[in-house]
Amino acid sequence: MDTIRVQVAEPDMGTVALGERHPDHPEGEVFIVGRGEVEVALTPAVAARLQRGELVEVAPRQAAPPKQEVEPAERPQRPAAAVEQAPVEAEEAKPPRKGVKKGGL
């Protein structure tokens, strides 16, 4: 038996739209309540709830198109710029701060 995807027509009602054991259902049983899509077999019970508007068939999801291999674009080569670095000099001694005494609190 073919399977279809369904969802509850009024998911905020909090009622069970369908609870059924049937060998054609995936896993042999379905329990449909609340939000979300469920894969079910098109059993007479499912067909009746679809007809009464308690369940709504969800269109099958389209498979994503295959990703195409894209060659990375070549970056133009820039000439290495000569970076001039300033000479590193020893840090000059700083004069002591006024009003600050060493030791003691």
N, C-alpha and C. Protein backbone atom coordinates (compact mmCIF):
# COMPACT_ATOMS: atom_id res chain seq x y z
N MET A 1 0.86 -1.18 0.00
CA MET A 1 0.00 0.00 0.00
C MET A 1 0.90 1.23 0.00
N ASP A 2 0.51 2.25 -0.75
CA ASP A 2 1.27 3.49 -0.82
C ASP A 2 1.16 4.27 0.48
N THR A 3 2.18 5.07 0.74
CA THR A 3 2.13 5.94 1.91
C THR A 3 2.03 7.39 1.44
N ILE A 4 1.44 8.21 2.31
CA ILE A 4 1.32 9.64 2.05
C ILE A 4 1.74 10.37 3.32
N ARG A 5 1.97 11.66 3.20
CA ARG A 5 2.29 12.49 4.37
C ARG A 5 1.06 13.32 4.70
N VAL A 6 0.69 13.32 5.99
CA VAL A 6 -0.48 14.07 6.43
C VAL A 6 -0.12 14.90 7.66
N GLN A 7 -0.99 15.84 7.96
CA GLN A 7 -0.88 16.62 9.19
C GLN A 7 -2.29 16.87 9.70
N VAL A 8 -2.38 17.21 10.97
CA VAL A 8 -3.69 17.49 11.58
C VAL A 8 -4.21 18.81 11.03
N ALA A 9 -5.49 18.85 10.69
CA ALA A 9 -6.09 20.06 10.13
C ALA A 9 -6.11 21.19 11.15
N GLU A 10 -6.42 20.91 12.40
CA GLU A 10 -6.45 21.91 13.47
C GLU A 10 -5.55 21.44 14.61
N PRO A 11 -4.23 21.67 14.47
CA PRO A 11 -3.28 21.11 15.44
C PRO A 11 -3.39 21.68 16.85
N ASP A 12 -3.95 22.86 17.01
CA ASP A 12 -4.03 23.48 18.34
C ASP A 12 -5.21 22.96 19.17
N MET A 13 -6.01 22.10 18.60
CA MET A 13 -7.16 21.55 19.34
C MET A 13 -6.70 20.58 20.43
N GLY A 14 -5.57 19.93 20.23
CA GLY A 14 -5.05 19.01 21.24
C GLY A 14 -5.73 17.66 21.26
N THR A 15 -6.52 17.35 20.26
CA THR A 15 -7.19 16.05 20.20
C THR A 15 -6.44 15.12 19.26
N VAL A 16 -6.58 13.84 19.48
CA VAL A 16 -5.94 12.84 18.63
C VAL A 16 -6.75 12.73 17.34
N ALA A 17 -6.10 13.01 16.23
CA ALA A 17 -6.80 12.93 14.94
C ALA A 17 -6.90 11.49 14.46
N LEU A 18 -5.90 10.68 14.80
CA LEU A 18 -5.92 9.27 14.40
C LEU A 18 -4.93 8.49 15.23
N GLY A 19 -5.39 7.38 15.74
CA GLY A 19 -4.53 6.39 16.38
C GLY A 19 -4.94 5.05 15.80
N GLU A 20 -4.05 4.42 15.05
CA GLU A 20 -4.45 3.20 14.34
C GLU A 20 -3.28 2.24 14.20
N ARG A 21 -3.58 0.96 14.46
CA ARG A 21 -2.62 -0.11 14.17
C ARG A 21 -3.05 -0.76 12.86
N HIS A 22 -2.09 -0.81 11.95
CA HIS A 22 -2.36 -1.42 10.65
C HIS A 22 -1.02 -1.85 10.07
N PRO A 23 -0.93 -3.03 9.53
CA PRO A 23 0.37 -3.51 9.04
C PRO A 23 0.96 -2.68 7.90
N ASP A 24 0.16 -1.91 7.21
CA ASP A 24 0.68 -1.10 6.10
C ASP A 24 1.29 0.22 6.55
N HIS A 25 1.00 0.66 7.78
CA HIS A 25 1.60 1.89 8.28
C HIS A 25 3.09 1.66 8.54
N PRO A 26 3.91 2.68 8.36
CA PRO A 26 5.31 2.54 8.77
C PRO A 26 5.33 2.19 10.27
N GLU A 27 6.12 1.25 10.65
CA GLU A 27 6.21 0.79 12.05
C GLU A 27 4.93 0.06 12.49
N GLY A 28 3.94 -0.11 11.60
CA GLY A 28 2.73 -0.86 11.93
C GLY A 28 1.69 -0.10 12.74
N GLU A 29 1.97 1.15 13.05
CA GLU A 29 1.04 1.92 13.88
C GLU A 29 1.29 3.42 13.67
N VAL A 30 0.21 4.22 13.76
CA VAL A 30 0.36 5.68 13.72
C VAL A 30 -0.46 6.29 14.84
N PHE A 31 0.03 7.42 15.32
CA PHE A 31 -0.65 8.19 16.35
C PHE A 31 -0.45 9.64 15.96
N ILE A 32 -1.51 10.30 15.51
CA ILE A 32 -1.39 11.65 14.96
C ILE A 32 -2.11 12.64 15.87
N VAL A 33 -1.32 13.58 16.40
CA VAL A 33 -1.86 14.63 17.25
C VAL A 33 -0.92 15.83 17.16
N GLY A 34 -1.45 17.04 17.27
CA GLY A 34 -0.61 18.25 17.29
C GLY A 34 0.00 18.59 15.95
N ARG A 35 1.11 19.34 16.04
CA ARG A 35 1.78 19.82 14.83
C ARG A 35 2.73 18.77 14.27
N GLY A 36 3.09 18.95 13.02
CA GLY A 36 4.07 18.06 12.39
C GLY A 36 3.43 17.20 11.33
N GLU A 37 4.29 16.66 10.50
CA GLU A 37 3.84 15.79 9.42
C GLU A 37 4.14 14.34 9.79
N VAL A 38 3.26 13.46 9.34
CA VAL A 38 3.39 12.04 9.65
C VAL A 38 3.20 11.25 8.37
N GLU A 39 4.04 10.24 8.17
CA GLU A 39 3.88 9.36 7.02
C GLU A 39 2.95 8.22 7.42
N VAL A 40 1.91 8.03 6.63
CA VAL A 40 0.90 7.00 6.92
C VAL A 40 0.56 6.24 5.66
N ALA A 41 0.01 5.04 5.85
CA ALA A 41 -0.55 4.30 4.71
C ALA A 41 -1.95 4.84 4.46
N LEU A 42 -2.38 4.80 3.23
CA LEU A 42 -3.71 5.30 2.89
C LEU A 42 -4.75 4.21 3.20
N THR A 43 -4.97 4.00 4.49
CA THR A 43 -5.94 3.01 4.96
C THR A 43 -7.34 3.62 4.90
N PRO A 44 -8.38 2.80 5.06
CA PRO A 44 -9.74 3.36 5.09
C PRO A 44 -9.93 4.41 6.19
N ALA A 45 -9.30 4.22 7.35
CA ALA A 45 -9.43 5.20 8.44
C ALA A 45 -8.77 6.52 8.07
N VAL A 46 -7.61 6.47 7.43
CA VAL A 46 -6.93 7.70 6.99
C VAL A 46 -7.78 8.38 5.92
N ALA A 47 -8.29 7.61 4.96
CA ALA A 47 -9.11 8.18 3.89
C ALA A 47 -10.36 8.86 4.46
N ALA A 48 -10.98 8.25 5.47
CA ALA A 48 -12.18 8.83 6.07
C ALA A 48 -11.86 10.16 6.76
N ARG A 49 -10.73 10.25 7.46
CA ARG A 49 -10.36 11.49 8.14
C ARG A 49 -9.94 12.58 7.14
N LEU A 50 -9.36 12.16 6.04
CA LEU A 50 -9.05 13.13 4.98
C LEU A 50 -10.35 13.70 4.41
N GLN A 51 -11.32 12.83 4.18
CA GLN A 51 -12.59 13.24 3.60
C GLN A 51 -13.35 14.15 4.57
N ARG A 52 -13.30 13.88 5.87
CA ARG A 52 -13.99 14.71 6.86
C ARG A 52 -13.23 16.00 7.17
N GLY A 53 -12.00 16.13 6.69
CA GLY A 53 -11.23 17.34 6.92
C GLY A 53 -10.46 17.35 8.23
N GLU A 54 -10.37 16.21 8.91
CA GLU A 54 -9.62 16.14 10.16
C GLU A 54 -8.11 16.05 9.90
N LEU A 55 -7.76 15.44 8.77
CA LEU A 55 -6.37 15.36 8.33
C LEU A 55 -6.25 16.07 6.99
N VAL A 56 -5.05 16.57 6.72
CA VAL A 56 -4.76 17.24 5.46
C VAL A 56 -3.53 16.58 4.86
N GLU A 57 -3.63 16.23 3.58
CA GLU A 57 -2.47 15.63 2.91
C GLU A 57 -1.45 16.73 2.62
N VAL A 58 -0.20 16.42 2.89
CA VAL A 58 0.89 17.35 2.66
C VAL A 58 1.57 16.95 1.36
N ALA A 59 1.82 17.95 0.52
CA ALA A 59 2.48 17.67 -0.76
C ALA A 59 3.86 17.08 -0.49
N PRO A 60 4.26 16.10 -1.28
CA PRO A 60 5.59 15.53 -1.07
C PRO A 60 6.65 16.60 -1.25
N ARG A 61 7.68 16.52 -0.45
CA ARG A 61 8.76 17.50 -0.53
C ARG A 61 9.58 17.24 -1.78
N GLN A 62 9.91 18.34 -2.44
CA GLN A 62 10.76 18.24 -3.62
C GLN A 62 12.19 17.98 -3.16
N ALA A 63 12.84 17.10 -3.83
CA ALA A 63 14.25 16.84 -3.51
C ALA A 63 15.06 18.06 -3.93
N ALA A 64 16.02 18.40 -3.14
CA ALA A 64 16.88 19.54 -3.47
C ALA A 64 17.68 19.21 -4.73
N PRO A 65 17.82 20.18 -5.63
CA PRO A 65 18.59 19.91 -6.83
C PRO A 65 20.04 19.59 -6.46
N PRO A 66 20.66 18.71 -7.22
CA PRO A 66 22.04 18.36 -6.88
C PRO A 66 22.95 19.58 -6.99
N LYS A 67 23.90 19.64 -6.06
CA LYS A 67 24.83 20.76 -6.07
C LYS A 67 25.79 20.60 -7.23
N GLN A 68 26.03 21.70 -7.92
CA GLN A 68 26.97 21.66 -9.03
C GLN A 68 28.35 22.01 -8.53
N GLU A 69 29.31 21.28 -9.04
CA GLU A 69 30.69 21.55 -8.68
C GLU A 69 31.10 22.86 -9.34
N VAL A 70 31.55 23.79 -8.55
CA VAL A 70 31.97 25.09 -9.07
C VAL A 70 33.46 25.22 -8.82
N GLU A 71 34.18 25.51 -9.89
CA GLU A 71 35.62 25.71 -9.76
C GLU A 71 35.85 27.05 -9.09
N PRO A 72 36.73 27.08 -8.09
CA PRO A 72 37.01 28.37 -7.46
C PRO A 72 37.66 29.33 -8.45
N ALA A 73 37.22 30.57 -8.38
CA ALA A 73 37.78 31.58 -9.29
C ALA A 73 39.22 31.85 -8.91
N GLU A 74 40.03 32.05 -9.92
CA GLU A 74 41.43 32.34 -9.65
C GLU A 74 41.57 33.78 -9.22
N ARG A 75 42.30 33.99 -8.15
CA ARG A 75 42.53 35.34 -7.68
C ARG A 75 43.75 35.90 -8.40
N PRO A 76 43.67 37.17 -8.80
CA PRO A 76 44.83 37.77 -9.45
C PRO A 76 45.97 37.89 -8.44
N GLN A 77 47.15 37.60 -8.90
CA GLN A 77 48.32 37.67 -8.03
C GLN A 77 48.76 39.12 -7.90
N ARG A 78 48.88 39.58 -6.67
CA ARG A 78 49.37 40.93 -6.44
C ARG A 78 50.84 40.83 -6.06
N PRO A 79 51.62 41.79 -6.54
CA PRO A 79 53.03 41.76 -6.14
C PRO A 79 53.13 42.02 -4.64
N ALA A 80 54.05 41.31 -4.02
CA ALA A 80 54.24 41.48 -2.58
C ALA A 80 54.75 42.89 -2.33
N ALA A 81 54.03 43.62 -1.51
CA ALA A 81 54.43 45.00 -1.20
C ALA A 81 55.57 44.96 -0.19
N ALA A 82 56.53 45.83 -0.41
CA ALA A 82 57.64 45.90 0.54
C ALA A 82 57.14 46.61 1.78
N VAL A 83 57.17 45.92 2.88
CA VAL A 83 56.70 46.49 4.13
C VAL A 83 57.91 46.97 4.89
N GLU A 84 57.90 48.24 5.20
CA GLU A 84 59.02 48.83 5.93
C GLU A 84 58.70 48.76 7.41
N GLN A 85 59.59 48.14 8.14
CA GLN A 85 59.38 48.03 9.58
C GLN A 85 60.26 49.03 10.30
N ALA A 86 59.68 49.64 11.31
CA ALA A 86 60.45 50.59 12.12
C ALA A 86 61.41 49.79 12.99
N PRO A 87 62.62 50.30 13.19
CA PRO A 87 63.57 49.57 14.02
C PRO A 87 63.04 49.48 15.46
N VAL A 88 63.26 48.34 16.06
CA VAL A 88 62.82 48.13 17.42
C VAL A 88 63.88 48.69 18.35
N GLU A 89 63.48 49.63 19.17
CA GLU A 89 64.42 50.24 20.10
C GLU A 89 64.05 49.84 21.52
N ALA A 90 65.05 49.85 22.37
CA ALA A 90 64.80 49.53 23.77
C ALA A 90 63.90 50.60 24.36
N GLU A 91 62.99 50.19 25.21
CA GLU A 91 62.06 51.13 25.81
C GLU A 91 62.85 52.08 26.72
N GLU A 92 62.61 53.35 26.53
CA GLU A 92 63.31 54.34 27.34
C GLU A 92 62.82 54.28 28.77
N ALA A 93 63.73 54.57 29.69
CA ALA A 93 63.36 54.56 31.10
C ALA A 93 62.37 55.67 31.37
N LYS A 94 61.33 55.34 32.08
CA LYS A 94 60.29 56.32 32.38
C LYS A 94 60.65 57.01 33.70
N PRO A 95 60.43 58.30 33.79
CA PRO A 95 60.69 58.99 35.05
C PRO A 95 59.69 58.54 36.10
N PRO A 96 60.09 58.48 37.38
CA PRO A 96 59.17 58.04 38.43
C PRO A 96 57.98 58.99 38.55
N ARG A 97 56.83 58.43 38.87
CA ARG A 97 55.63 59.25 39.03
C ARG A 97 55.70 60.00 40.35
N LYS A 98 55.21 61.19 40.33
CA LYS A 98 55.23 62.01 41.54
C LYS A 98 54.12 61.59 42.49
N GLY A 99 54.41 61.63 43.77
CA GLY A 99 53.40 61.35 44.78
C GLY A 99 53.19 59.88 45.03
N VAL A 100 53.91 59.00 44.38
CA VAL A 100 53.73 57.58 44.60
C VAL A 100 54.95 57.09 45.35
N LYS A 101 54.73 56.54 46.54
CA LYS A 101 55.83 56.03 47.34
C LYS A 101 55.82 54.51 47.26
N LYS A 102 57.00 53.96 47.23
CA LYS A 102 57.12 52.51 47.17
C LYS A 102 57.06 51.93 48.57
N GLY A 103 56.51 50.75 48.67
CA GLY A 103 56.47 50.04 49.94
C GLY A 103 55.36 50.57 50.83
N GLY A 104 54.97 49.81 51.80
CA GLY A 104 53.98 50.22 52.79
C GLY A 104 52.62 50.57 52.20
N LEU A 105 51.70 50.66 53.06
CA LEU A 105 50.33 50.98 52.63
C LEU A 105 49.99 52.41 52.82
